[in-house]
Amino acid sequence: MPRILALSGAKVVVALGARAQQALASIAGVPSSIGVHGPVLISGTRRLLLNPPHPNARKERRIDKVLTPPEFERVVAALR
C-alpha cells in the first residue's frame, strides 16, 4: 500500500473494512476506528483518512450519518 499511496495524489483516502483500516492506520500512525483522521502527511501529501463502516456492516453506513457534521464538512472541503 505505501507504493500505491506514493503514486496517488488523493486528498482523501477511504479504507473499507477492518483490514484496510488497520493497514492505513499503521502507515499513517492514526487510530483504525470509524471516522475521519488527519490530515496526515503520507508520501509528501497531506491527506484525510476516512474509515467508514464496511458496506456489508449491520450498522449505519451512510457517510452523513456516521460522521459528525464538522467531520463531514472537513471531507467535503478536502474534496473541493
Protein backbone atom coordinates (compact mmCIF):
# COMPACT_ATOMS: atom_id res chain seq x y z
CA MET A 1 0.00 0.00 0.00
CA PRO A 2 2.81 2.55 0.60
CA ARG A 3 3.83 2.38 -3.07
CA ILE A 4 0.26 3.00 -4.21
CA LEU A 5 -0.10 5.95 -1.85
CA ALA A 6 3.22 7.37 -3.07
CA LEU A 7 1.86 7.47 -6.63
CA SER A 8 -1.54 8.84 -5.66
CA GLY A 9 -2.37 12.50 -5.26
CA ALA A 10 -5.59 11.69 -3.39
CA LYS A 11 -6.56 14.22 -0.74
CA VAL A 12 -8.94 11.77 0.93
CA VAL A 13 -8.13 8.07 1.29
CA VAL A 14 -11.07 5.76 2.10
CA ALA A 15 -10.48 2.44 3.85
CA LEU A 16 -13.39 -0.01 3.74
CA GLY A 17 -13.21 -2.88 6.17
CA ALA A 18 -11.11 -3.71 9.21
CA ARG A 19 -8.05 -4.96 7.31
CA ALA A 20 -7.76 -1.84 5.17
CA GLN A 21 -8.43 0.41 8.16
CA GLN A 22 -5.72 -1.32 10.22
CA ALA A 23 -3.21 -1.19 7.36
CA LEU A 24 -3.80 2.52 6.76
CA ALA A 25 -3.71 3.25 10.49
CA SER A 26 -0.31 1.60 10.84
CA ILE A 27 1.10 3.52 7.84
CA ALA A 28 -0.28 6.89 8.98
CA GLY A 29 0.02 6.48 12.74
CA VAL A 30 -3.67 7.15 13.40
CA PRO A 31 -6.44 5.08 15.03
CA SER A 32 -8.24 2.49 12.90
CA SER A 33 -11.61 3.50 14.34
CA ILE A 34 -14.60 4.61 12.27
CA GLY A 35 -14.43 8.30 11.35
CA VAL A 36 -12.10 10.87 9.82
CA HIS A 37 -8.46 11.09 10.84
CA GLY A 38 -5.85 13.65 9.90
CA PRO A 39 -4.79 15.45 7.95
CA VAL A 40 -1.66 13.33 7.96
CA LEU A 41 1.40 13.56 5.76
CA ILE A 42 1.75 10.41 3.66
CA SER A 43 4.33 10.27 0.87
CA GLY A 44 4.65 14.05 0.83
CA THR A 45 0.90 14.70 0.51
CA ARG A 46 -1.42 15.89 3.29
CA ARG A 47 -4.44 13.61 3.33
CA LEU A 48 -7.55 12.88 5.33
CA LEU A 49 -8.16 9.23 6.14
CA LEU A 50 -11.81 8.21 6.05
CA ASN A 51 -12.78 4.95 7.76
CA PRO A 52 -16.48 4.31 7.13
CA PRO A 53 -18.18 1.06 8.12
CA HIS A 54 -17.90 -1.72 5.54
CA PRO A 55 -20.83 -1.73 3.07
CA ASN A 56 -21.94 -5.10 4.46
CA ALA A 57 -21.83 -3.93 8.10
CA ARG A 58 -25.01 -4.32 10.10
CA LYS A 59 -24.95 -0.73 11.31
CA GLU A 60 -25.42 2.76 9.92
CA ARG A 61 -23.27 3.17 6.78
CA ARG A 62 -24.30 6.49 5.27
CA ILE A 63 -21.36 8.86 5.48
CA ASP A 64 -23.53 11.81 6.54
CA LYS A 65 -24.94 9.67 9.39
CA VAL A 66 -21.65 8.10 10.51
CA LEU A 67 -19.61 11.31 10.65
CA THR A 68 -20.33 14.32 12.80
CA PRO A 69 -21.29 17.47 10.85
CA PRO A 70 -17.81 19.02 11.33
CA GLU A 71 -16.11 15.79 10.15
CA PHE A 72 -18.40 15.64 7.12
CA GLU A 73 -17.59 19.27 6.26
CA ARG A 74 -13.83 18.55 6.53
CA VAL A 75 -14.16 15.74 3.99
CA VAL A 76 -16.27 17.85 1.62
CA ALA A 77 -13.82 20.76 1.87
CA ALA A 78 -10.86 18.47 1.17
CA LEU A 79 -12.55 17.19 -1.99
CA ARG A 80 -13.15 20.66 -3.43
